[in-house]
Amino acid sequence: MRWERMMQATDDEVRIGGGQGRVPAERIRQRAYELWERNHCPPGLELRFWLLAERQLWAEAERDHTEGGAA
């Protein structure tokens, strides 16, 4: 998947989790791009950074939901 395709993704196309743990595509896109840039923009690894961003944001959303529910 190329950055051009990822930049065209809509929130309806990409959401992870369910209920309180939903993460909009825009947040995933931003995080993936930041990770990709931090790693010197390696060609051909866009999907790998997208998936890494999904995992990170999913973990953050779950942690925030858990901490918020425990309060």
C-alpha atoms as a PDB file:
ATOM      1  CA  MET A   1       0.000   0.000   0.000  1.00  0.00           C
ATOM      2  CA  ARG A   2       1.444   3.348  -0.962  1.00  0.00           C
ATOM      3  CA  TRP A   3       1.162   6.611   0.949  1.00  0.00           C
ATOM      4  CA  GLU A   4      -1.061   7.993  -1.805  1.00  0.00           C
ATOM      5  CA  ARG A   5      -3.639   5.258  -1.143  1.00  0.00           C
ATOM      6  CA  MET A   6      -3.350   5.662   2.599  1.00  0.00           C
ATOM      7  CA  MET A   7      -3.891   9.391   2.303  1.00  0.00           C
ATOM      8  CA  GLN A   8      -7.176   8.687   0.489  1.00  0.00           C
ATOM      9  CA  ALA A   9      -8.543   6.350   3.174  1.00  0.00           C
ATOM     10  CA  THR A  10     -11.719   7.573   4.806  1.00  0.00           C
ATOM     11  CA  ASP A  11     -12.785   7.041   8.387  1.00  0.00           C
ATOM     12  CA  ASP A  12     -15.389   4.571   7.092  1.00  0.00           C
ATOM     13  CA  GLU A  13     -12.679   2.505   5.416  1.00  0.00           C
ATOM     14  CA  VAL A  14     -10.300   2.168   8.337  1.00  0.00           C
ATOM     15  CA  ARG A  15     -11.273   1.806  11.953  1.00  0.00           C
ATOM     16  CA  ILE A  16      -9.752  -0.453  14.521  1.00  0.00           C
ATOM     17  CA  GLY A  17     -11.292  -1.850  17.629  1.00  0.00           C
ATOM     18  CA  GLY A  18     -14.875  -1.545  18.683  1.00  0.00           C
ATOM     19  CA  GLY A  19     -16.948   0.510  21.038  1.00  0.00           C
ATOM     20  CA  GLN A  20     -14.800   2.869  23.066  1.00  0.00           C
ATOM     21  CA  GLY A  21     -11.579   1.707  21.400  1.00  0.00           C
ATOM     22  CA  ARG A  22     -12.296   3.062  17.914  1.00  0.00           C
ATOM     23  CA  VAL A  23      -9.482   5.021  16.291  1.00  0.00           C
ATOM     24  CA  PRO A  24     -10.197   7.217  13.249  1.00  0.00           C
ATOM     25  CA  ALA A  25      -8.184   6.670  10.095  1.00  0.00           C
ATOM     26  CA  GLU A  26      -6.802  10.212  10.281  1.00  0.00           C
ATOM     27  CA  ARG A  27      -5.036   9.446  13.580  1.00  0.00           C
ATOM     28  CA  ILE A  28      -3.629   6.220  12.164  1.00  0.00           C
ATOM     29  CA  ARG A  29      -2.481   8.028   9.034  1.00  0.00           C
ATOM     30  CA  GLN A  30      -0.736  10.759  11.034  1.00  0.00           C
ATOM     31  CA  ARG A  31       1.016   8.308  13.356  1.00  0.00           C
ATOM     32  CA  ALA A  32       2.098   6.040  10.489  1.00  0.00           C
ATOM     33  CA  TYR A  33       3.558   8.958   8.576  1.00  0.00           C
ATOM     34  CA  GLU A  34       5.424  10.198  11.652  1.00  0.00           C
ATOM     35  CA  LEU A  35       6.893   6.744  12.236  1.00  0.00           C
ATOM     36  CA  TRP A  36       7.852   6.410   8.569  1.00  0.00           C
ATOM     37  CA  GLU A  37       9.563   9.816   8.563  1.00  0.00           C
ATOM     38  CA  ARG A  38      11.379   9.109  11.840  1.00  0.00           C
ATOM     39  CA  ASN A  39      12.824   6.027  10.183  1.00  0.00           C
ATOM     40  CA  HIS A  40      14.175   8.026   7.224  1.00  0.00           C
ATOM     41  CA  CYS A  41      11.284   7.285   4.795  1.00  0.00           C
ATOM     42  CA  PRO A  42      12.265   3.761   3.717  1.00  0.00           C
ATOM     43  CA  PRO A  43      10.599   2.870   0.403  1.00  0.00           C
ATOM     44  CA  GLY A  44       8.183  -0.041   0.339  1.00  0.00           C
ATOM     45  CA  LEU A  45       7.513  -0.171   4.085  1.00  0.00           C
ATOM     46  CA  GLU A  46       4.460   2.077   4.245  1.00  0.00           C
ATOM     47  CA  LEU A  47       2.091  -0.746   5.169  1.00  0.00           C
ATOM     48  CA  ARG A  48       4.408  -1.917   7.940  1.00  0.00           C
ATOM     49  CA  PHE A  49       4.327   1.563   9.501  1.00  0.00           C
ATOM     50  CA  TRP A  50       0.539   1.782   9.060  1.00  0.00           C
ATOM     51  CA  LEU A  51       0.103  -1.498  10.951  1.00  0.00           C
ATOM     52  CA  LEU A  52       2.531  -0.402  13.657  1.00  0.00           C
ATOM     53  CA  ALA A  53       0.586   2.837  14.071  1.00  0.00           C
ATOM     54  CA  GLU A  54      -2.669   0.856  14.369  1.00  0.00           C
ATOM     55  CA  ARG A  55      -1.189  -1.337  17.103  1.00  0.00           C
ATOM     56  CA  GLN A  56       0.163   1.646  19.031  1.00  0.00           C
ATOM     57  CA  LEU A  57      -3.072   3.620  18.840  1.00  0.00           C
ATOM     58  CA  TRP A  58      -5.156   0.571  19.715  1.00  0.00           C
ATOM     59  CA  ALA A  59      -3.014  -0.017  22.816  1.00  0.00           C
ATOM     60  CA  GLU A  60      -3.293   3.657  23.796  1.00  0.00           C
ATOM     61  CA  ALA A  61      -7.079   3.655  23.314  1.00  0.00           C
ATOM     62  CA  GLU A  62      -7.441   0.486  25.383  1.00  0.00           C
ATOM     63  CA  ARG A  63      -5.214   1.873  28.134  1.00  0.00           C
ATOM     64  CA  ASP A  64      -7.113   5.178  28.205  1.00  0.00           C
ATOM     65  CA  HIS A  65     -10.448   3.354  28.300  1.00  0.00           C
ATOM     66  CA  THR A  66      -9.276   1.047  31.091  1.00  0.00           C
ATOM     67  CA  GLU A  67      -7.823   3.881  33.152  1.00  0.00           C
ATOM     68  CA  GLY A  68     -10.922   6.011  32.586  1.00  0.00           C
ATOM     69  CA  GLY A  69     -13.243   3.170  33.591  1.00  0.00           C
ATOM     70  CA  ALA A  70     -11.284   2.435  36.754  1.00  0.00           C
ATOM     71  CA  ALA A  71     -11.524   6.011  38.031  1.00  0.00           C
END
